[in-house]
């Protein structure tokens, strides 16, 4: 027994067939939709297209990045404010002192993982 094709051009989503799902995908493309969801009673259809945009992933360890010469902090010494600049570009992985804590000359303030050169 052959199945008759419906001559209807409108979508009936009571019992979706492949052709109707293809029409939904075409509709999504025409209207620049990435996702479409439809539910009625027990029927639920969810279509999702992979994004065509560029995906930017976070690095292995999320952190604060600094560049050479950028100010990391300000140290007050005898009422003078001294800007402490980064010697390297990279990720701040550790802060050795708390705000307001006294520091000594040559004491490490930050741990920085240098960035790789490209």
C-alpha atoms as a PDB file:
ATOM      1  CA  UNK A   1       0.000   0.000   0.000  1.00  0.00           C
ATOM      2  CA  UNK A   2       1.439   3.363  -1.026  1.00  0.00           C
ATOM      3  CA  UNK A   3       1.254   6.333   1.204  1.00  0.00           C
ATOM      4  CA  UNK A   4      -0.386   9.426  -0.262  1.00  0.00           C
ATOM      5  CA  UNK A   5       1.467  12.695   0.024  1.00  0.00           C
ATOM      6  CA  UNK A   6      -0.439  15.525   1.582  1.00  0.00           C
ATOM      7  CA  UNK A   7      -1.077  18.421  -0.742  1.00  0.00           C
ATOM      8  CA  UNK A   8      -1.271  20.823   2.181  1.00  0.00           C
ATOM      9  CA  UNK A   9       1.454  23.440   2.334  1.00  0.00           C
ATOM     10  CA  UNK A  10       0.772  24.356   5.957  1.00  0.00           C
ATOM     11  CA  UNK A  11       2.343  22.461   8.804  1.00  0.00           C
ATOM     12  CA  UNK A  12       0.299  20.158  10.982  1.00  0.00           C
ATOM     13  CA  UNK A  13       2.413  19.171  13.942  1.00  0.00           C
ATOM     14  CA  UNK A  14      -0.010  16.646  15.437  1.00  0.00           C
ATOM     15  CA  UNK A  15       2.072  13.788  13.966  1.00  0.00           C
ATOM     16  CA  UNK A  16       5.208  15.282  12.489  1.00  0.00           C
ATOM     17  CA  UNK A  17       6.834  13.581   9.555  1.00  0.00           C
ATOM     18  CA  UNK A  18      10.341  14.038   8.188  1.00  0.00           C
ATOM     19  CA  UNK A  19       9.101  16.415   5.502  1.00  0.00           C
ATOM     20  CA  UNK A  20       7.469  18.632   8.117  1.00  0.00           C
ATOM     21  CA  UNK A  21      10.629  18.652  10.220  1.00  0.00           C
ATOM     22  CA  UNK A  22      12.606  19.610   7.110  1.00  0.00           C
ATOM     23  CA  UNK A  23      10.164  22.487   6.577  1.00  0.00           C
ATOM     24  CA  UNK A  24      10.783  23.623  10.154  1.00  0.00           C
ATOM     25  CA  UNK A  25      14.539  23.528   9.562  1.00  0.00           C
ATOM     26  CA  UNK A  26      14.068  25.587   6.386  1.00  0.00           C
ATOM     27  CA  UNK A  27      11.959  28.076   8.366  1.00  0.00           C
ATOM     28  CA  UNK A  28      14.730  28.306  10.972  1.00  0.00           C
ATOM     29  CA  UNK A  29      17.312  28.975   8.263  1.00  0.00           C
ATOM     30  CA  UNK A  30      15.204  31.653   6.564  1.00  0.00           C
ATOM     31  CA  UNK A  31      14.624  33.472   9.866  1.00  0.00           C
ATOM     32  CA  UNK A  32      18.151  32.990  11.217  1.00  0.00           C
ATOM     33  CA  UNK A  33      16.993  30.942  14.203  1.00  0.00           C
ATOM     34  CA  UNK A  34      19.455  28.716  16.059  1.00  0.00           C
ATOM     35  CA  UNK A  35      16.810  26.926  18.140  1.00  0.00           C
ATOM     36  CA  UNK A  36      13.113  26.100  17.843  1.00  0.00           C
ATOM     37  CA  UNK A  37      10.877  24.425  20.404  1.00  0.00           C
ATOM     38  CA  UNK A  38       7.253  23.357  20.045  1.00  0.00           C
ATOM     39  CA  UNK A  39       5.036  21.461  22.459  1.00  0.00           C
ATOM     40  CA  UNK A  40       1.420  20.502  22.391  1.00  0.00           C
ATOM     41  CA  UNK A  41      -0.029  17.869  24.676  1.00  0.00           C
ATOM     42  CA  UNK A  42       2.362  14.907  24.745  1.00  0.00           C
ATOM     43  CA  UNK A  43       4.177  16.076  21.609  1.00  0.00           C
ATOM     44  CA  UNK A  44       7.415  18.003  22.099  1.00  0.00           C
ATOM     45  CA  UNK A  45       9.773  18.992  19.294  1.00  0.00           C
ATOM     46  CA  UNK A  46      13.062  20.747  19.903  1.00  0.00           C
ATOM     47  CA  UNK A  47      15.409  21.564  17.042  1.00  0.00           C
ATOM     48  CA  UNK A  48      18.806  23.128  17.593  1.00  0.00           C
ATOM     49  CA  UNK A  49      21.382  24.025  14.976  1.00  0.00           C
ATOM     50  CA  UNK A  50      25.059  24.316  15.810  1.00  0.00           C
ATOM     51  CA  UNK A  51      26.111  27.925  16.020  1.00  0.00           C
ATOM     52  CA  UNK A  52      28.005  29.205  13.010  1.00  0.00           C
ATOM     53  CA  UNK A  53      29.835  31.778  15.109  1.00  0.00           C
ATOM     54  CA  UNK A  54      33.325  31.494  16.465  1.00  0.00           C
ATOM     55  CA  UNK A  55      33.586  29.862  19.868  1.00  0.00           C
ATOM     56  CA  UNK A  56      36.175  31.333  22.170  1.00  0.00           C
ATOM     57  CA  UNK A  57      37.160  29.096  25.030  1.00  0.00           C
ATOM     58  CA  UNK A  58      38.569  30.259  28.317  1.00  0.00           C
ATOM     59  CA  UNK A  59      42.167  29.298  28.989  1.00  0.00           C
ATOM     60  CA  UNK A  60      43.010  26.290  31.197  1.00  0.00           C
ATOM     61  CA  UNK A  61      42.923  28.508  34.347  1.00  0.00           C
ATOM     62  CA  UNK A  62      40.618  31.485  34.425  1.00  0.00           C
ATOM     63  CA  UNK A  63      42.381  34.433  35.983  1.00  0.00           C
ATOM     64  CA  UNK A  64      43.554  37.992  35.701  1.00  0.00           C
ATOM     65  CA  UNK A  65      45.960  38.736  32.884  1.00  0.00           C
ATOM     66  CA  UNK A  66      48.488  41.526  32.859  1.00  0.00           C
ATOM     67  CA  UNK A  67      50.826  42.967  30.276  1.00  0.00           C
ATOM     68  CA  UNK A  68      54.399  44.139  30.728  1.00  0.00           C
ATOM     69  CA  UNK A  69      54.444  47.663  32.110  1.00  0.00           C
ATOM     70  CA  UNK A  70      50.846  47.618  33.378  1.00  0.00           C
ATOM     71  CA  UNK A  71      50.227  48.657  36.993  1.00  0.00           C
ATOM     72  CA  UNK A  72      49.580  45.694  39.301  1.00  0.00           C
ATOM     73  CA  UNK A  73      49.151  47.604  42.545  1.00  0.00           C
ATOM     74  CA  UNK A  74      50.081  50.712  44.481  1.00  0.00           C
ATOM     75  CA  UNK A  75      52.325  50.526  47.544  1.00  0.00           C
ATOM     76  CA  UNK A  76      52.276  53.424  49.997  1.00  0.00           C
ATOM     77  CA  UNK A  77      55.653  54.258  51.511  1.00  0.00           C
ATOM     78  CA  UNK A  78      56.041  57.301  53.766  1.00  0.00           C
ATOM     79  CA  UNK A  79      52.908  58.947  52.352  1.00  0.00           C
ATOM     80  CA  UNK A  80      54.127  58.436  48.760  1.00  0.00           C
ATOM     81  CA  UNK A  81      52.128  56.259  46.405  1.00  0.00           C
ATOM     82  CA  UNK A  82      54.376  53.939  44.361  1.00  0.00           C
ATOM     83  CA  UNK A  83      52.870  52.229  41.318  1.00  0.00           C
ATOM     84  CA  UNK A  84      54.187  48.689  40.940  1.00  0.00           C
ATOM     85  CA  UNK A  85      54.310  47.624  37.280  1.00  0.00           C
ATOM     86  CA  UNK A  86      54.423  44.116  35.895  1.00  0.00           C
ATOM     87  CA  UNK A  87      57.809  42.949  34.576  1.00  0.00           C
ATOM     88  CA  UNK A  88      56.185  40.280  32.369  1.00  0.00           C
ATOM     89  CA  UNK A  89      52.969  39.587  30.475  1.00  0.00           C
ATOM     90  CA  UNK A  90      50.963  36.693  31.822  1.00  0.00           C
ATOM     91  CA  UNK A  91      48.364  35.423  34.259  1.00  0.00           C
ATOM     92  CA  UNK A  92      48.286  36.433  37.913  1.00  0.00           C
ATOM     93  CA  UNK A  93      48.147  33.048  39.652  1.00  0.00           C
ATOM     94  CA  UNK A  94      48.758  34.096  43.241  1.00  0.00           C
ATOM     95  CA  UNK A  95      48.588  37.172  45.447  1.00  0.00           C
ATOM     96  CA  UNK A  96      51.045  36.925  48.326  1.00  0.00           C
ATOM     97  CA  UNK A  97      49.898  39.885  50.447  1.00  0.00           C
ATOM     98  CA  UNK A  98      46.576  41.263  51.642  1.00  0.00           C
ATOM     99  CA  UNK A  99      45.423  44.842  51.143  1.00  0.00           C
ATOM    100  CA  UNK A 100      46.807  47.015  53.940  1.00  0.00           C
ATOM    101  CA  UNK A 101      49.454  44.467  54.980  1.00  0.00           C
ATOM    102  CA  UNK A 102      53.010  45.878  55.448  1.00  0.00           C
ATOM    103  CA  UNK A 103      55.551  44.742  52.853  1.00  0.00           C
ATOM    104  CA  UNK A 104      59.347  44.740  52.752  1.00  0.00           C
ATOM    105  CA  UNK A 105      61.684  45.730  49.946  1.00  0.00           C
ATOM    106  CA  UNK A 106      62.158  42.771  47.565  1.00  0.00           C
ATOM    107  CA  UNK A 107      59.201  40.838  49.022  1.00  0.00           C
ATOM    108  CA  UNK A 108      57.183  38.966  46.365  1.00  0.00           C
ATOM    109  CA  UNK A 109      53.727  40.473  45.906  1.00  0.00           C
ATOM    110  CA  UNK A 110      52.284  38.460  43.012  1.00  0.00           C
ATOM    111  CA  UNK A 111      52.885  35.145  41.296  1.00  0.00           C
ATOM    112  CA  UNK A 112      52.612  35.538  37.519  1.00  0.00           C
ATOM    113  CA  UNK A 113      52.654  32.710  34.985  1.00  0.00           C
ATOM    114  CA  UNK A 114      54.339  34.238  31.924  1.00  0.00           C
ATOM    115  CA  UNK A 115      52.328  33.993  28.719  1.00  0.00           C
ATOM    116  CA  UNK A 116      53.739  31.962  25.859  1.00  0.00           C
ATOM    117  CA  UNK A 117      55.074  33.880  22.913  1.00  0.00           C
ATOM    118  CA  UNK A 118      53.325  33.113  19.628  1.00  0.00           C
END
